[in-house]
């Protein structure tokens, strides 16, 4: 287990930007519903405190070689 340092910037009541060495994510929502989009094109929707969440990966442009 390693040390992980994250910088969080809260903008308003429902928007938070999280940044660490390897990735960046944007979180929208409050204590009822939370949506997160990260730089790996993954979206997570969750209901905090319930253990219920849904993850999906956005399909991007794939280049053929």
N, C-alpha and C. Protein backbone atom coordinates (compact mmCIF):
# COMPACT_ATOMS: atom_id res chain seq x y z
N UNK A 1 0.84 -1.16 0.00
CA UNK A 1 0.00 0.00 0.00
C UNK A 1 0.89 1.23 0.00
N UNK A 2 0.61 2.18 -0.91
CA UNK A 2 1.42 3.37 -1.01
C UNK A 2 0.67 4.61 -0.56
N UNK A 3 1.40 5.69 -0.47
CA UNK A 3 0.83 6.97 -0.08
C UNK A 3 0.22 7.63 -1.31
N UNK A 4 -0.98 8.14 -1.17
CA UNK A 4 -1.67 8.80 -2.27
C UNK A 4 -2.12 10.17 -1.81
N UNK A 5 -1.75 11.20 -2.54
CA UNK A 5 -2.11 12.57 -2.19
C UNK A 5 -3.05 13.10 -3.26
N UNK A 6 -4.21 13.59 -2.84
CA UNK A 6 -5.22 14.10 -3.76
C UNK A 6 -5.53 15.55 -3.40
N UNK A 7 -5.67 16.39 -4.42
CA UNK A 7 -6.06 17.78 -4.24
C UNK A 7 -7.50 17.91 -4.69
N UNK A 8 -8.38 18.40 -3.85
CA UNK A 8 -9.78 18.59 -4.18
C UNK A 8 -10.12 20.07 -4.14
N UNK A 9 -10.84 20.52 -5.15
CA UNK A 9 -11.30 21.91 -5.22
C UNK A 9 -12.82 21.86 -5.32
N UNK A 10 -13.50 22.44 -4.35
CA UNK A 10 -14.95 22.46 -4.35
C UNK A 10 -15.41 23.78 -4.95
N UNK A 11 -16.27 23.69 -5.97
CA UNK A 11 -16.79 24.87 -6.65
C UNK A 11 -18.31 24.85 -6.46
N UNK A 12 -18.79 25.69 -5.63
CA UNK A 12 -20.23 25.71 -5.36
C UNK A 12 -20.62 24.55 -4.45
N UNK A 13 -21.91 24.28 -4.43
CA UNK A 13 -22.43 23.26 -3.52
C UNK A 13 -22.35 21.85 -4.10
N UNK A 14 -22.39 21.72 -5.44
CA UNK A 14 -22.52 20.40 -6.05
C UNK A 14 -21.39 19.99 -6.98
N UNK A 15 -20.34 20.78 -7.14
CA UNK A 15 -19.26 20.49 -8.08
C UNK A 15 -17.93 20.40 -7.36
N UNK A 16 -17.19 19.31 -7.62
CA UNK A 16 -15.87 19.13 -7.01
C UNK A 16 -14.91 18.57 -8.05
N UNK A 17 -13.71 19.15 -8.12
CA UNK A 17 -12.66 18.68 -9.02
C UNK A 17 -11.57 18.04 -8.16
N UNK A 18 -11.23 16.79 -8.50
CA UNK A 18 -10.21 16.04 -7.76
C UNK A 18 -9.02 15.80 -8.68
N UNK A 19 -7.82 16.03 -8.17
CA UNK A 19 -6.60 15.87 -8.96
C UNK A 19 -5.57 15.13 -8.13
N UNK A 20 -4.98 14.08 -8.73
CA UNK A 20 -3.82 13.45 -8.12
C UNK A 20 -2.77 13.27 -9.19
N UNK A 21 -1.70 12.58 -8.89
CA UNK A 21 -0.56 12.46 -9.81
C UNK A 21 -0.94 11.81 -11.14
N UNK A 22 -1.84 10.82 -11.11
CA UNK A 22 -2.15 10.06 -12.31
C UNK A 22 -3.46 10.42 -13.00
N UNK A 23 -4.40 11.06 -12.30
CA UNK A 23 -5.70 11.29 -12.93
C UNK A 23 -6.39 12.53 -12.39
N UNK A 24 -7.44 12.92 -13.11
CA UNK A 24 -8.30 14.03 -12.73
C UNK A 24 -9.74 13.57 -12.85
N UNK A 25 -10.60 14.00 -11.93
CA UNK A 25 -12.01 13.66 -12.03
C UNK A 25 -12.86 14.84 -11.61
N UNK A 26 -14.09 14.85 -12.12
CA UNK A 26 -15.07 15.87 -11.78
C UNK A 26 -16.27 15.16 -11.18
N UNK A 27 -16.72 15.62 -10.01
CA UNK A 27 -17.87 15.02 -9.34
C UNK A 27 -18.99 16.04 -9.26
N UNK A 28 -20.19 15.60 -9.61
CA UNK A 28 -21.40 16.42 -9.52
C UNK A 28 -22.37 15.75 -8.58
N UNK A 29 -23.02 16.52 -7.76
CA UNK A 29 -24.05 15.95 -6.91
C UNK A 29 -23.84 16.26 -5.46
N UNK A 30 -24.81 15.87 -4.69
CA UNK A 30 -24.77 16.11 -3.26
C UNK A 30 -24.82 14.79 -2.52
N UNK A 31 -25.60 14.76 -1.45
CA UNK A 31 -25.65 13.54 -0.67
C UNK A 31 -26.70 12.56 -1.16
N UNK A 32 -27.52 12.92 -2.15
CA UNK A 32 -28.54 12.01 -2.68
C UNK A 32 -28.05 11.22 -3.89
N UNK A 33 -27.43 11.89 -4.85
CA UNK A 33 -26.93 11.23 -6.06
C UNK A 33 -25.59 11.86 -6.41
N UNK A 34 -24.65 11.04 -6.87
CA UNK A 34 -23.33 11.54 -7.23
C UNK A 34 -22.96 10.99 -8.61
N UNK A 35 -22.49 11.85 -9.51
CA UNK A 35 -21.99 11.47 -10.82
C UNK A 35 -20.53 11.87 -10.91
N UNK A 36 -19.68 10.97 -11.37
CA UNK A 36 -18.25 11.24 -11.49
C UNK A 36 -17.79 10.91 -12.90
N UNK A 37 -17.03 11.81 -13.51
CA UNK A 37 -16.41 11.60 -14.82
C UNK A 37 -14.92 11.78 -14.65
N UNK A 38 -14.13 10.77 -15.04
CA UNK A 38 -12.68 10.92 -14.91
C UNK A 38 -12.01 10.94 -16.27
N UNK A 39 -10.71 11.16 -16.29
CA UNK A 39 -9.98 11.30 -17.55
C UNK A 39 -9.79 9.97 -18.29
N UNK A 40 -10.22 8.89 -17.71
CA UNK A 40 -10.16 7.59 -18.39
C UNK A 40 -11.49 7.29 -19.07
N UNK A 41 -12.34 8.32 -19.23
CA UNK A 41 -13.64 8.23 -19.89
C UNK A 41 -14.57 7.24 -19.20
N UNK A 42 -14.56 7.28 -17.89
CA UNK A 42 -15.42 6.40 -17.10
C UNK A 42 -16.40 7.26 -16.30
N UNK A 43 -17.67 6.88 -16.32
CA UNK A 43 -18.70 7.58 -15.56
C UNK A 43 -19.20 6.65 -14.46
N UNK A 44 -19.30 7.18 -13.26
CA UNK A 44 -19.84 6.43 -12.12
C UNK A 44 -21.02 7.21 -11.55
N UNK A 45 -22.16 6.55 -11.40
CA UNK A 45 -23.33 7.13 -10.73
C UNK A 45 -23.55 6.32 -9.46
N UNK A 46 -23.74 7.00 -8.34
CA UNK A 46 -23.90 6.27 -7.08
C UNK A 46 -24.90 6.96 -6.17
N UNK A 47 -25.45 6.16 -5.27
CA UNK A 47 -26.30 6.66 -4.20
C UNK A 47 -25.50 6.51 -2.91
N UNK A 48 -24.87 7.60 -2.45
CA UNK A 48 -24.00 7.53 -1.28
C UNK A 48 -24.71 6.94 -0.05
N UNK A 49 -23.99 6.11 0.66
CA UNK A 49 -24.50 5.51 1.88
C UNK A 49 -25.30 4.24 1.68
N UNK A 50 -25.59 3.88 0.41
CA UNK A 50 -26.38 2.69 0.14
C UNK A 50 -25.54 1.54 -0.39
N UNK A 51 -24.38 1.84 -0.95
CA UNK A 51 -23.56 0.81 -1.58
C UNK A 51 -23.99 0.52 -3.01
N UNK A 52 -24.96 1.28 -3.54
CA UNK A 52 -25.45 1.08 -4.90
C UNK A 52 -24.73 2.04 -5.84
N UNK A 53 -24.13 1.49 -6.90
CA UNK A 53 -23.48 2.33 -7.89
C UNK A 53 -23.50 1.66 -9.25
N UNK A 54 -23.29 2.46 -10.30
CA UNK A 54 -23.27 1.97 -11.66
C UNK A 54 -22.08 2.60 -12.37
N UNK A 55 -21.25 1.79 -13.02
CA UNK A 55 -20.08 2.28 -13.77
C UNK A 55 -20.26 1.97 -15.24
N UNK A 56 -19.81 2.90 -16.08
CA UNK A 56 -19.79 2.65 -17.52
C UNK A 56 -18.59 3.39 -18.11
N UNK A 57 -18.08 2.86 -19.19
CA UNK A 57 -16.96 3.49 -19.89
C UNK A 57 -17.45 4.03 -21.22
N UNK A 58 -17.12 5.29 -21.50
CA UNK A 58 -17.52 5.90 -22.76
C UNK A 58 -16.64 5.38 -23.87
N UNK A 59 -17.23 5.11 -25.02
CA UNK A 59 -16.46 4.63 -26.16
C UNK A 59 -15.86 5.83 -26.88
N UNK A 60 -14.57 5.75 -27.12
CA UNK A 60 -13.88 6.83 -27.81
C UNK A 60 -13.52 6.41 -29.22
N UNK A 61 -12.88 7.31 -29.93
CA UNK A 61 -12.42 7.00 -31.28
C UNK A 61 -11.22 6.05 -31.20
N UNK A 62 -11.32 4.95 -31.90
CA UNK A 62 -10.22 3.99 -31.93
C UNK A 62 -9.53 4.11 -33.29
N UNK A 63 -8.23 4.31 -33.26
CA UNK A 63 -7.47 4.46 -34.50
C UNK A 63 -6.94 3.11 -34.95
N UNK A 64 -7.08 2.85 -36.23
CA UNK A 64 -6.53 1.60 -36.79
C UNK A 64 -5.13 1.86 -37.28
N UNK A 65 -4.27 0.87 -37.10
CA UNK A 65 -2.88 0.99 -37.57
C UNK A 65 -2.70 0.26 -38.86
